[in-house]
N, C-alpha and C. Protein backbone atom coordinates (compact mmCIF):
# COMPACT_ATOMS: atom_id res chain seq x y z
N UNK A 1 -12.51 -1.65 -2.37
CA UNK A 1 -11.22 -0.82 -3.39
C UNK A 1 -9.62 -1.09 -3.67
N UNK A 2 -9.70 -1.73 -4.50
CA UNK A 2 -8.29 -2.02 -4.75
C UNK A 2 -6.59 -1.19 -5.41
N UNK A 3 -5.88 -1.16 -4.91
CA UNK A 3 -5.63 -0.05 -6.09
C UNK A 3 -4.05 -0.29 -7.14
N UNK A 4 -4.45 0.69 -7.97
CA UNK A 4 -3.79 -0.12 -9.39
C UNK A 4 -2.61 0.00 -9.24
N UNK A 5 -2.07 -0.79 -9.66
CA UNK A 5 -0.09 -1.46 -9.31
C UNK A 5 0.76 -0.16 -10.13
N UNK A 6 0.01 -0.02 -11.07
CA UNK A 6 0.91 0.56 -12.42
C UNK A 6 0.39 1.70 -11.43
N UNK A 7 -0.74 3.07 -11.59
CA UNK A 7 -0.75 3.75 -12.38
C UNK A 7 -1.08 4.87 -9.92
N UNK A 8 -1.51 3.90 -9.15
CA UNK A 8 -1.21 3.90 -7.64
C UNK A 8 -3.05 4.38 -8.24
N UNK A 9 -3.77 4.78 -8.94
CA UNK A 9 -5.39 4.75 -8.60
C UNK A 9 -6.15 4.65 -7.21
N UNK A 10 -7.07 4.11 -7.26
CA UNK A 10 -8.18 3.54 -6.49
C UNK A 10 -9.33 2.88 -7.21
N UNK A 11 -9.72 1.69 -7.60
CA UNK A 11 -10.55 1.54 -8.20
C UNK A 11 -10.73 0.21 -7.71
N UNK A 12 -12.57 0.15 -7.92
CA UNK A 12 -13.57 -0.23 -6.92
C UNK A 12 -13.46 -1.89 -8.54
N UNK A 13 -13.20 -2.74 -7.23
CA UNK A 13 -13.51 -3.59 -8.64
C UNK A 13 -15.07 -4.25 -9.26
N UNK A 14 -15.60 -3.93 -8.51
CA UNK A 14 -16.91 -4.06 -9.63
C UNK A 14 -16.46 -3.63 -11.01
N UNK A 15 -15.86 -2.25 -10.72
CA UNK A 15 -16.18 -1.71 -12.27
C UNK A 15 -14.46 -1.64 -12.88
N UNK A 16 -14.02 -1.76 -12.84
CA UNK A 16 -12.62 -2.43 -13.27
C UNK A 16 -12.81 -2.16 -14.08
N UNK A 17 -12.10 -1.63 -14.96
CA UNK A 17 -11.65 -1.99 -16.38
C UNK A 17 -10.82 -2.96 -17.38
N UNK A 18 -10.10 -3.24 -16.44
CA UNK A 18 -9.59 -4.73 -16.27
C UNK A 18 -8.96 -5.82 -15.46
N UNK A 19 -8.63 -6.89 -15.40
CA UNK A 19 -8.14 -7.41 -14.65
C UNK A 19 -6.53 -8.41 -14.77
N UNK A 20 -5.75 -8.82 -14.23
CA UNK A 20 -5.32 -9.78 -14.46
C UNK A 20 -4.61 -10.44 -13.59
N UNK A 21 -4.47 -11.64 -13.03
CA UNK A 21 -3.79 -12.83 -12.34
C UNK A 21 -2.20 -13.12 -12.37
N UNK A 22 -1.84 -12.80 -11.84
CA UNK A 22 -0.30 -12.73 -11.04
C UNK A 22 0.26 -13.88 -9.73
N UNK A 23 0.75 -14.80 -9.51
CA UNK A 23 1.31 -15.62 -8.39
C UNK A 23 -0.39 -16.00 -7.43
N UNK A 24 -1.33 -15.80 -8.39
CA UNK A 24 -2.65 -16.39 -7.62
C UNK A 24 -3.57 -15.21 -6.76
N UNK A 25 -3.43 -13.94 -6.99
CA UNK A 25 -3.47 -13.08 -6.70
C UNK A 25 -4.47 -12.06 -8.06
N UNK A 26 -5.27 -11.41 -7.56
CA UNK A 26 -6.28 -10.58 -9.21
C UNK A 26 -5.76 -8.70 -9.07
N UNK A 27 -5.08 -8.59 -9.92
CA UNK A 27 -5.21 -7.22 -9.54
C UNK A 27 -6.46 -6.87 -10.46
N UNK A 28 -5.68 -4.99 -10.12
CA UNK A 28 -7.16 -4.46 -10.97
C UNK A 28 -6.19 -2.74 -11.00
N UNK A 29 -7.50 -2.69 -13.05
CA UNK A 29 -6.79 -1.84 -13.16
C UNK A 29 -8.08 -0.83 -14.01
N UNK A 30 -7.63 0.60 -13.46
CA UNK A 30 -8.79 1.90 -13.95
C UNK A 30 -8.55 1.86 -15.29
N UNK A 31 -7.45 1.46 -16.24
CA UNK A 31 -7.50 1.32 -17.79
C UNK A 31 -7.31 0.29 -18.59
N UNK A 32 -7.22 -0.05 -19.53
CA UNK A 32 -6.79 -0.88 -20.65
C UNK A 32 -4.94 -0.64 -20.39
N UNK A 33 -4.84 0.19 -20.48
CA UNK A 33 -2.98 0.58 -20.39
C UNK A 33 -3.02 0.50 -19.38
N UNK A 34 -3.20 0.23 -18.15
CA UNK A 34 -2.46 -0.32 -17.19
C UNK A 34 -2.33 -1.60 -17.34
N UNK A 35 -3.07 -2.06 -17.33
CA UNK A 35 -3.32 -4.14 -17.17
C UNK A 35 -1.73 -4.46 -18.72
N UNK A 36 -2.05 -3.87 -20.31
CA UNK A 36 -1.92 -3.94 -20.53
C UNK A 36 -0.17 -3.44 -20.79
N UNK A 37 0.45 -1.98 -19.25
CA UNK A 37 1.74 -2.28 -19.26
C UNK A 37 1.98 -3.27 -18.27
N UNK A 38 0.99 -3.66 -16.52
CA UNK A 38 1.66 -4.49 -16.38
C UNK A 38 1.25 -6.21 -16.51
N UNK A 39 0.41 -6.24 -17.43
CA UNK A 39 1.39 -8.11 -18.08
C UNK A 39 2.55 -8.51 -19.09
N UNK A 40 2.85 -6.34 -19.11
CA UNK A 40 4.70 -6.33 -19.85
C UNK A 40 5.12 -7.29 -19.44
N UNK A 41 5.49 -6.44 -18.02
CA UNK A 41 6.49 -6.73 -17.13
C UNK A 41 6.09 -6.77 -15.94
N UNK A 42 4.57 -8.01 -15.43
CA UNK A 42 4.59 -7.71 -13.66
C UNK A 42 5.31 -7.44 -12.26
N UNK A 43 6.12 -8.14 -12.68
CA UNK A 43 7.62 -8.32 -11.68
C UNK A 43 7.94 -6.48 -10.88
N UNK A 44 7.57 -6.55 -12.40
CA UNK A 44 8.21 -4.34 -12.41
C UNK A 44 6.66 -3.65 -11.40
N UNK A 45 5.62 -4.26 -11.25
CA UNK A 45 4.78 -3.88 -10.63
C UNK A 45 4.62 -4.53 -8.98
N UNK A 46 4.93 -5.81 -8.20
CA UNK A 46 4.47 -6.75 -7.67
C UNK A 46 5.49 -7.29 -6.35
N UNK A 47 5.65 -5.95 -5.47
CA UNK A 47 6.92 -6.42 -4.98
C UNK A 47 6.60 -8.31 -4.18
N UNK A 48 7.47 -8.85 -4.54
CA UNK A 48 7.27 -10.32 -3.67
C UNK A 48 7.50 -10.42 -2.54
């Protein structure tokens, strides 16, 4: 399981509603709205 960094939900990578690549890592999302929020400002959700 992966954590949706936007809402905190646990997401099964095989069933994720959406994914994004950022700095070489794949992020998994429970819903397209979470992906849209992440894509708009990934640095807000990813701690370097």
